[in-house]
Amino acid sequence: MPQTHLVEIKTHNSRHLNWPKTYPQLYLSHTPHVHHAFHKNGTFASVKKFVLGESELVDVDKNAQAGFKKLRKLLGCIQSLVLKHGTARISLVCVGKTLSVYRIPQGEKCLPEDALALFVA
């Protein structure tokens, strides 16, 4: 299916759109269309349609660019870290607002056996 045919549907119980939360997801996934459906107590009253790149979202995009620049910098740091460690296995763990890097000893699994078992059919 072509990317141009994708639509994200969001539901809201008010007329307030939380673009700082919604827009980065759409932008990074390249989902071109988003439909916001508004309801009151589960009864839908209206749908507002947006298309990424349209003039109505220019200010939303401008406001998101600072966050995208920070993300790009972080991804560059992670890439450098991975290249620095070569074939060694590392794990990134974020707790609260602290991102830590752990080197996984050779021969050890990333997850305990009971956690890995959850992925076996």
Protein backbone atom coordinates (compact mmCIF):
# COMPACT_ATOMS: atom_id res chain seq x y z
CA MET A 1 0.00 0.00 0.00
CA PRO A 2 1.47 3.40 -0.91
CA GLN A 3 2.40 5.69 2.00
CA THR A 4 0.10 8.37 0.57
CA HIS A 5 -2.91 6.17 1.38
CA LEU A 6 -2.18 5.94 5.12
CA VAL A 7 -4.48 7.70 7.60
CA GLU A 8 -4.02 8.07 11.35
CA ILE A 9 -7.27 8.37 13.30
CA LYS A 10 -7.23 10.08 16.70
CA THR A 11 -10.18 10.45 19.03
CA HIS A 12 -10.61 13.27 21.53
CA ASN A 13 -13.16 14.01 24.21
CA SER A 14 -12.66 17.76 23.77
CA ARG A 15 -11.89 20.24 20.98
CA HIS A 16 -8.27 20.53 22.18
CA LEU A 17 -5.63 18.98 19.91
CA ASN A 18 -2.39 17.98 21.60
CA TRP A 19 -0.09 18.62 18.64
CA PRO A 20 3.16 18.47 20.66
CA LYS A 21 2.31 14.84 21.42
CA THR A 22 0.64 13.88 18.12
CA TYR A 23 2.70 15.65 15.47
CA PRO A 24 6.12 14.01 16.05
CA GLN A 25 4.59 10.54 15.70
CA LEU A 26 2.97 11.48 12.39
CA TYR A 27 6.04 13.29 11.09
CA LEU A 28 8.47 10.49 11.91
CA SER A 29 6.18 7.77 10.52
CA HIS A 30 5.50 9.85 7.40
CA THR A 31 1.78 9.31 7.86
CA PRO A 32 0.41 12.00 5.54
CA HIS A 33 -3.17 12.20 6.78
CA VAL A 34 -4.59 12.51 10.27
CA HIS A 35 -8.27 12.63 11.14
CA HIS A 36 -9.20 13.95 14.58
CA ALA A 37 -12.63 12.77 15.71
CA PHE A 38 -14.22 14.70 18.58
CA HIS A 39 -16.77 13.20 20.94
CA LYS A 40 -18.69 14.01 24.07
CA ASN A 41 -19.40 11.05 26.36
CA GLY A 42 -18.72 8.68 23.45
CA THR A 43 -21.00 10.40 20.93
CA PHE A 44 -18.95 11.73 18.03
CA ALA A 45 -19.84 15.21 16.85
CA SER A 46 -17.21 16.13 14.25
CA VAL A 47 -14.09 15.08 12.39
CA LYS A 48 -11.29 17.47 11.44
CA LYS A 49 -8.92 16.31 8.70
CA PHE A 50 -5.29 17.43 8.37
CA VAL A 51 -2.57 16.69 5.84
CA LEU A 52 1.12 16.89 6.76
CA GLY A 53 2.75 19.77 4.95
CA GLU A 54 -0.41 21.85 4.56
CA SER A 55 -0.36 25.50 5.60
CA GLU A 56 -2.52 24.85 8.67
CA LEU A 57 0.31 22.79 10.21
CA VAL A 58 3.22 25.14 9.45
CA ASP A 59 3.33 26.55 12.98
CA VAL A 60 2.98 23.08 14.50
CA ASP A 61 5.93 21.92 12.39
CA LYS A 62 8.04 24.94 13.38
CA ASN A 63 7.38 24.27 17.06
CA ALA A 64 8.36 20.61 16.66
CA GLN A 65 11.68 21.29 14.90
CA ALA A 66 13.60 22.00 18.14
CA GLY A 67 12.60 18.57 19.45
CA PHE A 68 13.56 16.93 16.16
CA LYS A 69 17.00 18.57 16.33
CA LYS A 70 17.49 17.17 19.85
CA LEU A 71 16.40 13.74 18.64
CA ARG A 72 18.83 13.91 15.72
CA LYS A 73 21.67 14.80 18.10
CA LEU A 74 20.74 11.94 20.44
CA LEU A 75 20.55 9.45 17.56
CA GLY A 76 23.98 10.64 16.38
CA CYS A 77 25.40 10.04 19.86
CA ILE A 78 23.86 6.56 19.97
CA GLN A 79 25.25 5.79 16.52
CA SER A 80 28.75 6.89 17.61
CA LEU A 81 28.45 4.77 20.75
CA VAL A 82 27.47 1.69 18.77
CA LEU A 83 30.32 2.21 16.31
CA LYS A 84 32.77 2.72 19.18
CA HIS A 85 31.79 -0.62 20.76
CA GLY A 86 32.08 -2.50 17.46
CA THR A 87 30.65 -5.99 17.74
CA ALA A 88 30.11 -5.78 21.50
CA ARG A 89 26.48 -5.87 22.56
CA ILE A 90 25.19 -2.88 24.44
CA SER A 91 21.85 -1.96 25.91
CA LEU A 92 20.36 1.50 26.36
CA VAL A 93 18.09 1.84 29.38
CA CYS A 94 16.13 4.96 30.24
CA VAL A 95 14.88 5.32 33.81
CA GLY A 96 13.12 8.59 34.50
CA LYS A 97 15.13 11.10 32.49
CA THR A 98 18.45 9.26 32.78
CA LEU A 99 19.69 7.27 29.79
CA SER A 100 22.32 4.68 30.71
CA VAL A 101 24.45 2.40 28.54
CA TYR A 102 25.27 -1.12 29.63
CA ARG A 103 27.70 -3.49 27.98
CA ILE A 104 26.31 -7.02 27.81
CA PRO A 105 29.00 -9.60 28.56
CA GLN A 106 29.72 -11.97 25.69
CA GLY A 107 27.63 -15.12 25.84
CA GLU A 108 24.91 -13.57 27.99
CA LYS A 109 21.42 -12.99 26.68
CA CYS A 110 19.81 -9.56 26.63
CA LEU A 111 16.74 -10.82 28.49
CA PRO A 112 16.27 -13.47 31.18
CA GLU A 113 14.95 -16.85 29.98
CA ASP A 114 11.45 -16.27 31.41
CA ALA A 115 11.16 -12.99 29.48
CA LEU A 116 12.45 -14.59 26.25
CA ALA A 117 9.88 -17.38 26.66
CA LEU A 118 7.11 -14.82 26.22
CA PHE A 119 8.13 -14.45 22.55
CA VAL A 120 7.99 -18.15 21.72
CA ALA A 121 4.74 -19.43 20.20
